[in-house]
């Protein structure tokens, strides 16, 4: 369970990048998709830093 929590931030970053790349390659960019991917990437970055700091 601890390993899943340690990788949760990276998983959110990867999901955000996948959403962003799909919207770019399909040329169907909407502000909602771009905002969701930005939020996932930023939350994943801070989550990865904080979770690894407190779970060690």
C-alpha atoms as a PDB file:
ATOM      1  CA  UNK A   1       0.000   0.000   0.000  1.00  0.00           C
ATOM      2  CA  UNK A   2       2.861   2.346   0.778  1.00  0.00           C
ATOM      3  CA  UNK A   3       4.355   1.725  -2.678  1.00  0.00           C
ATOM      4  CA  UNK A   4       1.094   2.699  -4.363  1.00  0.00           C
ATOM      5  CA  UNK A   5       0.960   5.959  -2.415  1.00  0.00           C
ATOM      6  CA  UNK A   6       4.571   6.753  -3.278  1.00  0.00           C
ATOM      7  CA  UNK A   7       3.788   6.409  -6.985  1.00  0.00           C
ATOM      8  CA  UNK A   8       0.439   8.220  -6.908  1.00  0.00           C
ATOM      9  CA  UNK A   9       1.990  11.555  -7.898  1.00  0.00           C
ATOM     10  CA  UNK A  10       3.770  10.046 -10.871  1.00  0.00           C
ATOM     11  CA  UNK A  11       0.568   8.325 -11.946  1.00  0.00           C
ATOM     12  CA  UNK A  12      -1.303  11.647 -11.903  1.00  0.00           C
ATOM     13  CA  UNK A  13       1.466  13.279 -13.960  1.00  0.00           C
ATOM     14  CA  UNK A  14       1.326  10.495 -16.549  1.00  0.00           C
ATOM     15  CA  UNK A  15      -2.468  10.724 -16.798  1.00  0.00           C
ATOM     16  CA  UNK A  16      -2.220  14.491 -17.287  1.00  0.00           C
ATOM     17  CA  UNK A  17       0.395  14.109 -20.013  1.00  0.00           C
ATOM     18  CA  UNK A  18      -1.694  11.472 -21.795  1.00  0.00           C
ATOM     19  CA  UNK A  19      -4.766  13.727 -21.787  1.00  0.00           C
ATOM     20  CA  UNK A  20      -2.657  16.625 -23.049  1.00  0.00           C
ATOM     21  CA  UNK A  21      -1.038  14.594 -25.823  1.00  0.00           C
ATOM     22  CA  UNK A  22      -4.356  13.116 -26.974  1.00  0.00           C
ATOM     23  CA  UNK A  23      -5.919  16.559 -27.235  1.00  0.00           C
ATOM     24  CA  UNK A  24      -2.921  17.924 -29.156  1.00  0.00           C
ATOM     25  CA  UNK A  25      -2.650  15.039 -31.616  1.00  0.00           C
ATOM     26  CA  UNK A  26      -6.387  14.998 -32.302  1.00  0.00           C
ATOM     27  CA  UNK A  27      -6.279  18.768 -32.826  1.00  0.00           C
ATOM     28  CA  UNK A  28      -9.328  19.005 -30.598  1.00  0.00           C
ATOM     29  CA  UNK A  29      -7.988  21.364 -27.971  1.00  0.00           C
ATOM     30  CA  UNK A  30     -10.523  22.792 -25.595  1.00  0.00           C
ATOM     31  CA  UNK A  31      -9.841  24.855 -22.529  1.00  0.00           C
ATOM     32  CA  UNK A  32     -11.427  22.229 -20.294  1.00  0.00           C
ATOM     33  CA  UNK A  33      -9.090  19.452 -21.448  1.00  0.00           C
ATOM     34  CA  UNK A  34      -6.054  21.692 -21.159  1.00  0.00           C
ATOM     35  CA  UNK A  35      -7.078  22.857 -17.692  1.00  0.00           C
ATOM     36  CA  UNK A  36      -7.702  19.320 -16.456  1.00  0.00           C
ATOM     37  CA  UNK A  37      -4.335  18.137 -17.722  1.00  0.00           C
ATOM     38  CA  UNK A  38      -2.588  21.147 -16.147  1.00  0.00           C
ATOM     39  CA  UNK A  39      -4.280  20.541 -12.805  1.00  0.00           C
ATOM     40  CA  UNK A  40      -3.386  16.840 -12.867  1.00  0.00           C
ATOM     41  CA  UNK A  41       0.254  17.571 -13.681  1.00  0.00           C
ATOM     42  CA  UNK A  42       0.632  20.229 -10.978  1.00  0.00           C
ATOM     43  CA  UNK A  43      -1.192  18.200  -8.308  1.00  0.00           C
ATOM     44  CA  UNK A  44       0.842  15.143  -9.272  1.00  0.00           C
ATOM     45  CA  UNK A  45       4.097  17.070  -8.989  1.00  0.00           C
ATOM     46  CA  UNK A  46       3.321  18.459  -5.548  1.00  0.00           C
ATOM     47  CA  UNK A  47       1.790  15.167  -4.457  1.00  0.00           C
ATOM     48  CA  UNK A  48       4.890  13.260  -5.481  1.00  0.00           C
ATOM     49  CA  UNK A  49       7.140  15.623  -3.568  1.00  0.00           C
ATOM     50  CA  UNK A  50       5.020  15.704  -0.417  1.00  0.00           C
ATOM     51  CA  UNK A  51       4.172  12.002  -0.328  1.00  0.00           C
ATOM     52  CA  UNK A  52       7.781  10.956  -0.727  1.00  0.00           C
ATOM     53  CA  UNK A  53       8.845  13.440   1.931  1.00  0.00           C
ATOM     54  CA  UNK A  54       6.349  12.222   4.539  1.00  0.00           C
ATOM     55  CA  UNK A  55       6.250   8.495   3.744  1.00  0.00           C
ATOM     56  CA  UNK A  56       9.974   7.863   4.090  1.00  0.00           C
END
